[in-house]
Amino acid sequence: MAVVLLPQLSGFNESLHLLRNPNWLYATLAFILAVLTYFAAAATYCFLAFKPLPYYRTLLAQFAAMFINRLLPAGFGALGVNYAYLHKMRHSPVQAATVVSVNNLFGLLGHMLLLGVLALFFHASVPSFTARGIGDSASLVAGAVALIIACSLLFAPKLRRKAATAFADIVKQLGKYRGRPSHLLAALTSSTTLTFCNILSLYVCLLGFGVHLSFVAVALVFTIGIGAGTATPTPGGLGGLEAGMVAGFIAYGVPSAAALAAVILYRVFSYWLMLAIGAVAFAFCQRRGYFRLA
């Protein structure tokens, strides 16, 4: 992370200047898209739930879950809050765990499906990496994430067994949706929409600073950032996600000041403002007793 961000500090003042003068129309659109991801997340849970969920209450639960997720690393906060919410909404512990697990699986599948479609139909619009700035740092970040995962599975037998067990459990849980293919398809669609809104929000942040990069390239940079954030043991991948995204943009030839400004603006909308909104939602949900913790 430091290898990527420290060289950009010299241009930090220029990034701050850009942040004071974004295109506010694009900035507003980026914020709206960040908010829409929570609507998509709520829809996914409603489609996957074994018992009817009130959409408005589920939406509040998603904001609350993301607030806790911002305080804990590796997404554990959102998992716990959604499990408690589903348990409160008359799901058995097994049903609640199944819905949460399949939701996470669909998050990954939706992301990969969107990338696959973009790569298949728009691969020609992806620019080549440049040697400017940090050169292939984005590739290094992605490679480091892949290496960490591979080494963990290769040299940690216990972790490898747990991964195999988890995969078998997911397959078993998917079997519980037999006879509900339309619900699964709708859930996958809403989960893919969530990823699409996130990528589009990042893309619009770039436009806000006059940077025009293909949507496919932004999707790849977003994926690099998510991978780096997942490998960073901080709440919400703080630090690692930003480093991965900045590295990716600079590797695609985006000026470092604009790259840093766009990523900061995106994180203000997707992280810091949602932290404040989520805190209010969590307090409201707690007061209304929407979570069953035992």
C-alpha atoms as a PDB file:
ATOM      1  CA  MET A   1       0.000   0.000   0.000  1.00  0.00           C
ATOM      2  CA  ALA A   2       2.752   2.460   0.945  1.00  0.00           C
ATOM      3  CA  VAL A   3       4.652   1.597  -2.255  1.00  0.00           C
ATOM      4  CA  VAL A   4       1.698   2.840  -4.260  1.00  0.00           C
ATOM      5  CA  LEU A   5       0.499   5.814  -2.226  1.00  0.00           C
ATOM      6  CA  LEU A   6       3.715   7.413  -0.986  1.00  0.00           C
ATOM      7  CA  PRO A   7       4.954   8.460  -4.457  1.00  0.00           C
ATOM      8  CA  GLN A   8       1.622  10.204  -5.002  1.00  0.00           C
ATOM      9  CA  LEU A   9       1.892  12.412  -1.900  1.00  0.00           C
ATOM     10  CA  SER A  10       3.921  14.965  -3.830  1.00  0.00           C
ATOM     11  CA  GLY A  11       0.846  15.632  -5.941  1.00  0.00           C
ATOM     12  CA  PHE A  12      -1.573  15.536  -3.021  1.00  0.00           C
ATOM     13  CA  ASN A  13      -2.040  19.310  -2.999  1.00  0.00           C
ATOM     14  CA  GLU A  14      -3.068  19.154  -6.639  1.00  0.00           C
ATOM     15  CA  SER A  15      -5.537  16.387  -5.788  1.00  0.00           C
ATOM     16  CA  LEU A  16      -7.004  18.549  -3.007  1.00  0.00           C
ATOM     17  CA  HIS A  17      -7.386  21.402  -5.471  1.00  0.00           C
ATOM     18  CA  LEU A  18      -9.252  19.101  -7.846  1.00  0.00           C
ATOM     19  CA  LEU A  19     -11.476  17.874  -5.022  1.00  0.00           C
ATOM     20  CA  ARG A  20     -12.549  21.452  -4.291  1.00  0.00           C
ATOM     21  CA  ASN A  21     -13.679  21.913  -7.898  1.00  0.00           C
ATOM     22  CA  PRO A  22     -15.304  18.735  -9.217  1.00  0.00           C
ATOM     23  CA  ASN A  23     -18.134  18.719 -11.700  1.00  0.00           C
ATOM     24  CA  TRP A  24     -20.956  18.754  -9.159  1.00  0.00           C
ATOM     25  CA  LEU A  25     -23.442  17.171 -11.538  1.00  0.00           C
ATOM     26  CA  TYR A  26     -21.200  14.119 -11.864  1.00  0.00           C
ATOM     27  CA  ALA A  27     -20.460  14.172  -8.130  1.00  0.00           C
ATOM     28  CA  THR A  28     -24.181  14.137  -7.312  1.00  0.00           C
ATOM     29  CA  LEU A  29     -24.756  11.284  -9.743  1.00  0.00           C
ATOM     30  CA  ALA A  30     -21.890   9.313  -8.191  1.00  0.00           C
ATOM     31  CA  PHE A  31     -23.460   9.729  -4.738  1.00  0.00           C
ATOM     32  CA  ILE A  32     -26.888   8.608  -5.995  1.00  0.00           C
ATOM     33  CA  LEU A  33     -25.315   5.515  -7.555  1.00  0.00           C
ATOM     34  CA  ALA A  34     -23.549   4.719  -4.270  1.00  0.00           C
ATOM     35  CA  VAL A  35     -26.886   4.900  -2.455  1.00  0.00           C
ATOM     36  CA  LEU A  36     -28.565   2.704  -5.076  1.00  0.00           C
ATOM     37  CA  THR A  37     -26.195  -0.140  -4.209  1.00  0.00           C
ATOM     38  CA  TYR A  38     -28.048  -0.499  -0.893  1.00  0.00           C
ATOM     39  CA  PHE A  39     -31.388  -0.712  -2.684  1.00  0.00           C
ATOM     40  CA  ALA A  40     -29.946  -3.517  -4.809  1.00  0.00           C
ATOM     41  CA  ALA A  41     -28.541  -5.267  -1.725  1.00  0.00           C
ATOM     42  CA  ALA A  42     -31.953  -5.140  -0.027  1.00  0.00           C
ATOM     43  CA  ALA A  43     -33.620  -6.545  -3.147  1.00  0.00           C
ATOM     44  CA  THR A  44     -31.153  -9.451  -3.221  1.00  0.00           C
ATOM     45  CA  TYR A  45     -31.986 -10.403   0.363  1.00  0.00           C
ATOM     46  CA  CYS A  46     -35.718 -10.147  -0.319  1.00  0.00           C
ATOM     47  CA  PHE A  47     -35.392 -12.499  -3.295  1.00  0.00           C
ATOM     48  CA  LEU A  48     -33.244 -15.011  -1.394  1.00  0.00           C
ATOM     49  CA  ALA A  49     -35.234 -15.009   1.850  1.00  0.00           C
ATOM     50  CA  PHE A  50     -37.256 -18.121   2.689  1.00  0.00           C
ATOM     51  CA  LYS A  51     -39.940 -15.985   4.334  1.00  0.00           C
ATOM     52  CA  PRO A  52     -41.315 -12.627   3.111  1.00  0.00           C
ATOM     53  CA  LEU A  53     -39.207  -9.616   4.088  1.00  0.00           C
ATOM     54  CA  PRO A  54     -40.561  -6.044   4.143  1.00  0.00           C
ATOM     55  CA  TYR A  55     -38.411  -4.185   1.637  1.00  0.00           C
ATOM     56  CA  TYR A  56     -38.199  -0.882   3.521  1.00  0.00           C
ATOM     57  CA  ARG A  57     -37.081  -2.622   6.722  1.00  0.00           C
ATOM     58  CA  THR A  58     -34.586  -4.747   4.787  1.00  0.00           C
ATOM     59  CA  LEU A  59     -33.189  -1.587   3.188  1.00  0.00           C
ATOM     60  CA  LEU A  60     -32.614  -0.045   6.622  1.00  0.00           C
ATOM     61  CA  ALA A  61     -30.941  -3.266   7.728  1.00  0.00           C
ATOM     62  CA  GLN A  62     -28.512  -3.025   4.792  1.00  0.00           C
ATOM     63  CA  PHE A  63     -27.470   0.495   5.764  1.00  0.00           C
ATOM     64  CA  ALA A  64     -27.063  -0.681   9.361  1.00  0.00           C
ATOM     65  CA  ALA A  65     -25.072  -3.733   8.254  1.00  0.00           C
ATOM     66  CA  MET A  66     -22.689  -1.595   6.238  1.00  0.00           C
ATOM     67  CA  PHE A  67     -22.148   0.665   9.248  1.00  0.00           C
ATOM     68  CA  ILE A  68     -20.979  -2.302  11.318  1.00  0.00           C
ATOM     69  CA  ASN A  69     -19.037  -3.575   8.332  1.00  0.00           C
ATOM     70  CA  ARG A  70     -17.079  -0.321   8.306  1.00  0.00           C
ATOM     71  CA  LEU A  71     -15.962  -1.042  11.874  1.00  0.00           C
ATOM     72  CA  LEU A  72     -14.845  -4.646  11.377  1.00  0.00           C
ATOM     73  CA  PRO A  73     -12.484  -6.156   8.781  1.00  0.00           C
ATOM     74  CA  ALA A  74     -13.246  -8.841   6.186  1.00  0.00           C
ATOM     75  CA  GLY A  75     -16.983  -8.163   6.021  1.00  0.00           C
ATOM     76  CA  PHE A  76     -17.747  -9.873   9.345  1.00  0.00           C
ATOM     77  CA  GLY A  77     -19.950  -6.987  10.494  1.00  0.00           C
ATOM     78  CA  ALA A  78     -22.405  -7.227   7.599  1.00  0.00           C
ATOM     79  CA  LEU A  79     -22.597 -11.009   7.929  1.00  0.00           C
ATOM     80  CA  GLY A  80     -23.491 -10.805  11.608  1.00  0.00           C
ATOM     81  CA  VAL A  81     -26.046  -8.027  11.247  1.00  0.00           C
ATOM     82  CA  ASN A  82     -27.829  -9.652   8.312  1.00  0.00           C
ATOM     83  CA  TYR A  83     -27.892 -12.980  10.127  1.00  0.00           C
ATOM     84  CA  ALA A  84     -29.420 -11.313  13.194  1.00  0.00           C
ATOM     85  CA  TYR A  85     -31.957  -9.480  11.021  1.00  0.00           C
ATOM     86  CA  LEU A  86     -33.042 -12.658   9.204  1.00  0.00           C
ATOM     87  CA  HIS A  87     -33.280 -14.519  12.496  1.00  0.00           C
ATOM     88  CA  LYS A  88     -35.551 -11.760  13.793  1.00  0.00           C
ATOM     89  CA  MET A  89     -37.654 -12.073  10.627  1.00  0.00           C
ATOM     90  CA  ARG A  90     -38.603 -15.670  11.555  1.00  0.00           C
ATOM     91  CA  HIS A  91     -35.763 -17.443   9.765  1.00  0.00           C
ATOM     92  CA  SER A  92     -34.265 -20.388  11.585  1.00  0.00           C
ATOM     93  CA  PRO A  93     -30.507 -20.240  12.256  1.00  0.00           C
ATOM     94  CA  VAL A  94     -29.908 -22.618   9.318  1.00  0.00           C
ATOM     95  CA  GLN A  95     -32.139 -20.590   6.995  1.00  0.00           C
ATOM     96  CA  ALA A  96     -30.496 -17.313   8.023  1.00  0.00           C
ATOM     97  CA  ALA A  97     -27.013 -18.744   7.501  1.00  0.00           C
ATOM     98  CA  THR A  98     -28.071 -20.118   4.109  1.00  0.00           C
ATOM     99  CA  VAL A  99     -29.428 -16.779   2.887  1.00  0.00           C
ATOM    100  CA  VAL A 100     -26.317 -14.894   4.035  1.00  0.00           C
ATOM    101  CA  SER A 101     -23.981 -17.459   2.453  1.00  0.00           C
ATOM    102  CA  VAL A 102     -25.810 -17.538  -0.882  1.00  0.00           C
ATOM    103  CA  ASN A 103     -25.969 -13.728  -0.908  1.00  0.00           C
ATOM    104  CA  ASN A 104     -22.169 -13.599  -0.583  1.00  0.00           C
ATOM    105  CA  LEU A 105     -21.784 -16.247  -3.276  1.00  0.00           C
ATOM    106  CA  PHE A 106     -24.008 -14.267  -5.628  1.00  0.00           C
ATOM    107  CA  GLY A 107     -21.980 -11.143  -4.900  1.00  0.00           C
ATOM    108  CA  LEU A 108     -18.921 -12.909  -6.294  1.00  0.00           C
ATOM    109  CA  LEU A 109     -20.828 -14.520  -9.173  1.00  0.00           C
ATOM    110  CA  GLY A 110     -22.474 -11.236 -10.114  1.00  0.00           C
ATOM    111  CA  HIS A 111     -19.127  -9.470 -10.144  1.00  0.00           C
ATOM    112  CA  MET A 112     -17.520 -12.149 -12.305  1.00  0.00           C
ATOM    113  CA  LEU A 113     -20.545 -12.284 -14.627  1.00  0.00           C
ATOM    114  CA  LEU A 114     -20.422  -8.540 -15.191  1.00  0.00           C
ATOM    115  CA  LEU A 115     -16.681  -8.626 -15.854  1.00  0.00           C
ATOM    116  CA  GLY A 116     -17.121 -11.541 -18.240  1.00  0.00           C
ATOM    117  CA  VAL A 117     -19.802  -9.763 -20.259  1.00  0.00           C
ATOM    118  CA  LEU A 118     -17.759  -6.559 -20.421  1.00  0.00           C
ATOM    119  CA  ALA A 119     -14.597  -8.431 -21.425  1.00  0.00           C
ATOM    120  CA  LEU A 120     -16.464 -10.428 -24.066  1.00  0.00           C
ATOM    121  CA  PHE A 121     -18.179  -7.537 -25.816  1.00  0.00           C
ATOM    122  CA  PHE A 122     -15.992  -4.517 -25.047  1.00  0.00           C
ATOM    123  CA  HIS A 123     -12.457  -5.897 -24.688  1.00  0.00           C
ATOM    124  CA  ALA A 124     -11.268  -3.776 -27.620  1.00  0.00           C
ATOM    125  CA  SER A 125     -11.954  -0.599 -25.633  1.00  0.00           C
ATOM    126  CA  VAL A 126      -9.511  -1.495 -22.840  1.00  0.00           C
ATOM    127  CA  PRO A 127      -6.327   0.600 -23.082  1.00  0.00           C
ATOM    128  CA  SER A 128      -2.916  -0.927 -22.494  1.00  0.00           C
ATOM    129  CA  PHE A 129      -0.947  -0.367 -19.315  1.00  0.00           C
ATOM    130  CA  THR A 130       1.555   2.469 -19.567  1.00  0.00           C
ATOM    131  CA  ALA A 131       4.977   2.836 -18.006  1.00  0.00           C
ATOM    132  CA  ARG A 132       4.005   6.186 -16.578  1.00  0.00           C
ATOM    133  CA  GLY A 133       4.254   6.791 -12.833  1.00  0.00           C
ATOM    134  CA  ILE A 134       4.145   3.428 -11.200  1.00  0.00           C
ATOM    135  CA  GLY A 135       3.937   1.470 -14.431  1.00  0.00           C
ATOM    136  CA  ASP A 136       2.500  -1.961 -13.795  1.00  0.00           C
ATOM    137  CA  SER A 137       1.770  -1.451 -10.093  1.00  0.00           C
ATOM    138  CA  ALA A 138      -1.852  -2.422 -10.656  1.00  0.00           C
ATOM    139  CA  SER A 139      -0.691  -5.782 -11.999  1.00  0.00           C
ATOM    140  CA  LEU A 140       1.631  -6.154  -9.017  1.00  0.00           C
ATOM    141  CA  VAL A 141      -1.218  -5.471  -6.594  1.00  0.00           C
ATOM    142  CA  ALA A 142      -3.487  -7.994  -8.334  1.00  0.00           C
ATOM    143  CA  GLY A 143      -0.649 -10.525  -8.461  1.00  0.00           C
ATOM    144  CA  ALA A 144       0.128 -10.044  -4.777  1.00  0.00           C
ATOM    145  CA  VAL A 145      -3.498 -10.656  -3.825  1.00  0.00           C
ATOM    146  CA  ALA A 146      -3.616 -13.828  -5.944  1.00  0.00           C
ATOM    147  CA  LEU A 147      -0.285 -15.001  -4.471  1.00  0.00           C
ATOM    148  CA  ILE A 148      -1.507 -14.510  -0.896  1.00  0.00           C
ATOM    149  CA  ILE A 149      -4.644 -16.529  -1.577  1.00  0.00           C
ATOM    150  CA  ALA A 150      -2.736 -19.284  -3.392  1.00  0.00           C
ATOM    151  CA  CYS A 151      -0.091 -19.591  -0.667  1.00  0.00           C
ATOM    152  CA  SER A 152      -2.746 -19.654   2.034  1.00  0.00           C
ATOM    153  CA  LEU A 153      -4.537 -22.546   0.360  1.00  0.00           C
ATOM    154  CA  LEU A 154      -1.331 -24.382  -0.578  1.00  0.00           C
ATOM    155  CA  PHE A 155       0.575 -24.187   2.705  1.00  0.00           C
ATOM    156  CA  ALA A 156      -2.284 -24.144   5.220  1.00  0.00           C
ATOM    157  CA  PRO A 157      -3.989 -27.576   5.139  1.00  0.00           C
ATOM    158  CA  LYS A 158      -6.508 -26.548   7.790  1.00  0.00           C
ATOM    159  CA  LEU A 159      -7.518 -23.489   5.769  1.00  0.00           C
ATOM    160  CA  ARG A 160      -7.716 -25.610   2.627  1.00  0.00           C
ATOM    161  CA  ARG A 161     -10.012 -28.091   4.364  1.00  0.00           C
ATOM    162  CA  LYS A 162     -12.196 -25.261   5.616  1.00  0.00           C
ATOM    163  CA  ALA A 163     -12.419 -23.824   2.105  1.00  0.00           C
ATOM    164  CA  ALA A 164     -13.457 -27.224   0.724  1.00  0.00           C
ATOM    165  CA  THR A 165     -16.028 -27.634   3.479  1.00  0.00           C
ATOM    166  CA  ALA A 166     -17.398 -24.156   2.868  1.00  0.00           C
ATOM    167  CA  PHE A 167     -17.744 -24.885  -0.854  1.00  0.00           C
ATOM    168  CA  ALA A 168     -19.601 -28.128  -0.125  1.00  0.00           C
ATOM    169  CA  ASP A 169     -21.908 -26.264   2.272  1.00  0.00           C
ATOM    170  CA  ILE A 170     -22.694 -23.649  -0.366  1.00  0.00           C
ATOM    171  CA  VAL A 171     -23.595 -26.339  -2.891  1.00  0.00           C
ATOM    172  CA  LYS A 172     -25.858 -27.954  -0.307  1.00  0.00           C
ATOM    173  CA  GLN A 173     -27.464 -24.609   0.533  1.00  0.00           C
ATOM    174  CA  LEU A 174     -28.162 -23.847  -3.120  1.00  0.00           C
ATOM    175  CA  GLY A 175     -30.084 -27.100  -3.239  1.00  0.00           C
ATOM    176  CA  LYS A 176     -32.567 -25.620  -0.781  1.00  0.00           C
ATOM    177  CA  TYR A 177     -33.674 -23.213  -3.495  1.00  0.00           C
ATOM    178  CA  ARG A 178     -34.788 -26.062  -5.736  1.00  0.00           C
ATOM    179  CA  GLY A 179     -38.092 -25.077  -7.254  1.00  0.00           C
ATOM    180  CA  ARG A 180     -37.344 -21.341  -6.943  1.00  0.00           C
ATOM    181  CA  PRO A 181     -35.207 -20.638 -10.024  1.00  0.00           C
ATOM    182  CA  SER A 182     -36.921 -17.303 -10.682  1.00  0.00           C
ATOM    183  CA  HIS A 183     -35.955 -16.090  -7.198  1.00  0.00           C
ATOM    184  CA  LEU A 184     -32.347 -17.120  -7.749  1.00  0.00           C
ATOM    185  CA  LEU A 185     -32.245 -15.397 -11.138  1.00  0.00           C
ATOM    186  CA  ALA A 186     -33.748 -12.213  -9.677  1.00  0.00           C
ATOM    187  CA  ALA A 187     -31.255 -12.296  -6.789  1.00  0.00           C
ATOM    188  CA  LEU A 188     -28.326 -12.751  -9.179  1.00  0.00           C
ATOM    189  CA  THR A 189     -29.623  -9.852 -11.289  1.00  0.00           C
ATOM    190  CA  SER A 190     -29.928  -7.502  -8.321  1.00  0.00           C
ATOM    191  CA  SER A 191     -26.501  -8.574  -7.032  1.00  0.00           C
ATOM    192  CA  THR A 192     -24.981  -7.854 -10.441  1.00  0.00           C
ATOM    193  CA  THR A 193     -26.772  -4.503 -10.448  1.00  0.00           C
ATOM    194  CA  LEU A 194     -25.116  -3.678  -7.129  1.00  0.00           C
ATOM    195  CA  THR A 195     -21.664  -4.227  -8.633  1.00  0.00           C
ATOM    196  CA  PHE A 196     -22.618  -2.301 -11.767  1.00  0.00           C
ATOM    197  CA  CYS A 197     -23.736   0.715  -9.688  1.00  0.00           C
ATOM    198  CA  ASN A 198     -20.470   0.656  -7.727  1.00  0.00           C
ATOM    199  CA  ILE A 199     -18.376   0.596 -10.884  1.00  0.00           C
ATOM    200  CA  LEU A 200     -20.525   3.258 -12.540  1.00  0.00           C
ATOM    201  CA  SER A 201     -20.163   5.477  -9.456  1.00  0.00           C
ATOM    202  CA  LEU A 202     -16.363   5.186  -9.701  1.00  0.00           C
ATOM    203  CA  TYR A 203     -16.550   5.842 -13.448  1.00  0.00           C
ATOM    204  CA  VAL A 204     -18.638   8.997 -12.873  1.00  0.00           C
ATOM    205  CA  CYS A 205     -16.140  10.192 -10.240  1.00  0.00           C
ATOM    206  CA  LEU A 206     -13.460  10.072 -12.944  1.00  0.00           C
ATOM    207  CA  LEU A 207     -15.687  12.050 -15.304  1.00  0.00           C
ATOM    208  CA  GLY A 208     -16.113  14.619 -12.544  1.00  0.00           C
ATOM    209  CA  PHE A 209     -12.445  15.490 -12.941  1.00  0.00           C
ATOM    210  CA  GLY A 210     -12.464  15.432 -16.732  1.00  0.00           C
ATOM    211  CA  VAL A 211     -10.914  11.960 -17.059  1.00  0.00           C
ATOM    212  CA  HIS A 212     -12.304   9.727 -19.791  1.00  0.00           C
ATOM    213  CA  LEU A 213     -11.407   6.056 -19.387  1.00  0.00           C
ATOM    214  CA  SER A 214     -13.335   3.136 -20.833  1.00  0.00           C
ATOM    215  CA  PHE A 215     -15.949   1.595 -18.552  1.00  0.00           C
ATOM    216  CA  VAL A 216     -14.289  -1.813 -18.934  1.00  0.00           C
ATOM    217  CA  ALA A 217     -10.969  -0.429 -17.704  1.00  0.00           C
ATOM    218  CA  VAL A 218     -12.719   1.154 -14.712  1.00  0.00           C
ATOM    219  CA  ALA A 219     -14.359  -2.210 -13.963  1.00  0.00           C
ATOM    220  CA  LEU A 220     -10.935  -3.887 -13.982  1.00  0.00           C
ATOM    221  CA  VAL A 221      -9.481  -1.195 -11.722  1.00  0.00           C
ATOM    222  CA  PHE A 222     -12.452  -1.584  -9.382  1.00  0.00           C
ATOM    223  CA  THR A 223     -11.795  -5.326  -9.209  1.00  0.00           C
ATOM    224  CA  ILE A 224      -8.117  -4.726  -8.427  1.00  0.00           C
ATOM    225  CA  GLY A 225      -9.141  -2.336  -5.667  1.00  0.00           C
ATOM    226  CA  ILE A 226     -11.611  -4.828  -4.189  1.00  0.00           C
ATOM    227  CA  GLY A 227      -8.949  -7.532  -4.248  1.00  0.00           C
ATOM    228  CA  ALA A 228      -6.393  -5.290  -2.546  1.00  0.00           C
ATOM    229  CA  GLY A 229      -8.991  -4.172  -0.001  1.00  0.00           C
ATOM    230  CA  THR A 230      -9.939  -7.765   0.802  1.00  0.00           C
ATOM    231  CA  ALA A 231      -6.283  -8.619   1.417  1.00  0.00           C
ATOM    232  CA  THR A 232      -5.921  -5.610   3.740  1.00  0.00           C
ATOM    233  CA  PRO A 233      -6.928  -6.432   7.362  1.00  0.00           C
ATOM    234  CA  THR A 234      -8.646  -3.101   7.955  1.00  0.00           C
ATOM    235  CA  PRO A 235     -12.350  -2.175   8.237  1.00  0.00           C
ATOM    236  CA  GLY A 236     -13.793  -1.881   4.738  1.00  0.00           C
ATOM    237  CA  GLY A 237     -10.356  -2.567   3.242  1.00  0.00           C
ATOM    238  CA  LEU A 238      -9.395   0.993   4.146  1.00  0.00           C
ATOM    239  CA  GLY A 239      -6.038   1.900   2.619  1.00  0.00           C
ATOM    240  CA  GLY A 240      -5.588  -1.211   0.512  1.00  0.00           C
ATOM    241  CA  LEU A 241      -8.636  -0.565  -1.660  1.00  0.00           C
ATOM    242  CA  GLU A 242      -7.581   3.022  -2.330  1.00  0.00           C
ATOM    243  CA  ALA A 243      -4.030   1.949  -3.129  1.00  0.00           C
ATOM    244  CA  GLY A 244      -5.215  -0.705  -5.565  1.00  0.00           C
ATOM    245  CA  MET A 245      -7.527   1.686  -7.395  1.00  0.00           C
ATOM    246  CA  VAL A 246      -4.974   4.493  -7.608  1.00  0.00           C
ATOM    247  CA  ALA A 247      -2.388   2.002  -8.871  1.00  0.00           C
ATOM    248  CA  GLY A 248      -4.766   0.730 -11.520  1.00  0.00           C
ATOM    249  CA  PHE A 249      -5.735   4.169 -12.783  1.00  0.00           C
ATOM    250  CA  ILE A 250      -2.149   5.382 -12.986  1.00  0.00           C
ATOM    251  CA  ALA A 251      -1.161   2.192 -14.793  1.00  0.00           C
ATOM    252  CA  TYR A 252      -3.815   3.052 -17.369  1.00  0.00           C
ATOM    253  CA  GLY A 253      -2.268   6.483 -17.866  1.00  0.00           C
ATOM    254  CA  VAL A 254      -4.583   8.576 -15.674  1.00  0.00           C
ATOM    255  CA  PRO A 255      -2.662  11.526 -14.128  1.00  0.00           C
ATOM    256  CA  SER A 256      -1.815  10.698 -10.525  1.00  0.00           C
ATOM    257  CA  ALA A 257      -3.535  13.782  -9.080  1.00  0.00           C
ATOM    258  CA  ALA A 258      -6.780  13.028 -10.914  1.00  0.00           C
ATOM    259  CA  ALA A 259      -6.579   9.331 -10.037  1.00  0.00           C
ATOM    260  CA  LEU A 260      -6.159  10.075  -6.334  1.00  0.00           C
ATOM    261  CA  ALA A 261      -8.898  12.732  -6.377  1.00  0.00           C
ATOM    262  CA  ALA A 262     -11.377  10.403  -8.106  1.00  0.00           C
ATOM    263  CA  VAL A 263     -10.697   7.550  -5.686  1.00  0.00           C
ATOM    264  CA  ILE A 264     -10.999   9.851  -2.662  1.00  0.00           C
ATOM    265  CA  LEU A 265     -14.306  11.234  -3.957  1.00  0.00           C
ATOM    266  CA  TYR A 266     -15.597   7.717  -4.580  1.00  0.00           C
ATOM    267  CA  ARG A 267     -14.635   6.627  -1.072  1.00  0.00           C
ATOM    268  CA  VAL A 268     -16.228   9.717   0.456  1.00  0.00           C
ATOM    269  CA  PHE A 269     -19.513   8.664  -1.111  1.00  0.00           C
ATOM    270  CA  SER A 270     -19.233   4.889  -0.737  1.00  0.00           C
ATOM    271  CA  TYR A 271     -17.486   4.762   2.657  1.00  0.00           C
ATOM    272  CA  TRP A 272     -17.522   7.877   4.796  1.00  0.00           C
ATOM    273  CA  LEU A 273     -20.989   9.256   4.026  1.00  0.00           C
ATOM    274  CA  MET A 274     -22.449   5.752   4.214  1.00  0.00           C
ATOM    275  CA  LEU A 275     -20.776   5.369   7.599  1.00  0.00           C
ATOM    276  CA  ALA A 276     -22.791   8.343   8.883  1.00  0.00           C
ATOM    277  CA  ILE A 277     -26.037   7.208   7.236  1.00  0.00           C
ATOM    278  CA  GLY A 278     -25.472   3.661   8.470  1.00  0.00           C
ATOM    279  CA  ALA A 279     -24.937   4.840  12.052  1.00  0.00           C
ATOM    280  CA  VAL A 280     -28.355   6.501  12.032  1.00  0.00           C
ATOM    281  CA  ALA A 281     -29.941   3.430  10.426  1.00  0.00           C
ATOM    282  CA  PHE A 282     -28.303   1.093  12.964  1.00  0.00           C
ATOM    283  CA  ALA A 283     -29.536   3.172  15.900  1.00  0.00           C
ATOM    284  CA  PHE A 284     -33.048   3.219  14.419  1.00  0.00           C
ATOM    285  CA  CYS A 285     -33.040  -0.547  13.798  1.00  0.00           C
ATOM    286  CA  GLN A 286     -31.768  -1.227  17.300  1.00  0.00           C
ATOM    287  CA  ARG A 287     -34.490   0.949  18.787  1.00  0.00           C
ATOM    288  CA  ARG A 288     -37.140  -0.857  16.752  1.00  0.00           C
ATOM    289  CA  GLY A 289     -35.711  -4.265  17.647  1.00  0.00           C
ATOM    290  CA  TYR A 290     -35.000  -5.383  14.075  1.00  0.00           C
ATOM    291  CA  PHE A 291     -32.091  -7.602  15.133  1.00  0.00           C
ATOM    292  CA  ARG A 292     -32.192 -10.764  17.184  1.00  0.00           C
ATOM    293  CA  LEU A 293     -28.741 -11.381  18.550  1.00  0.00           C
ATOM    294  CA  ALA A 294     -29.459 -14.663  20.283  1.00  0.00           C
END
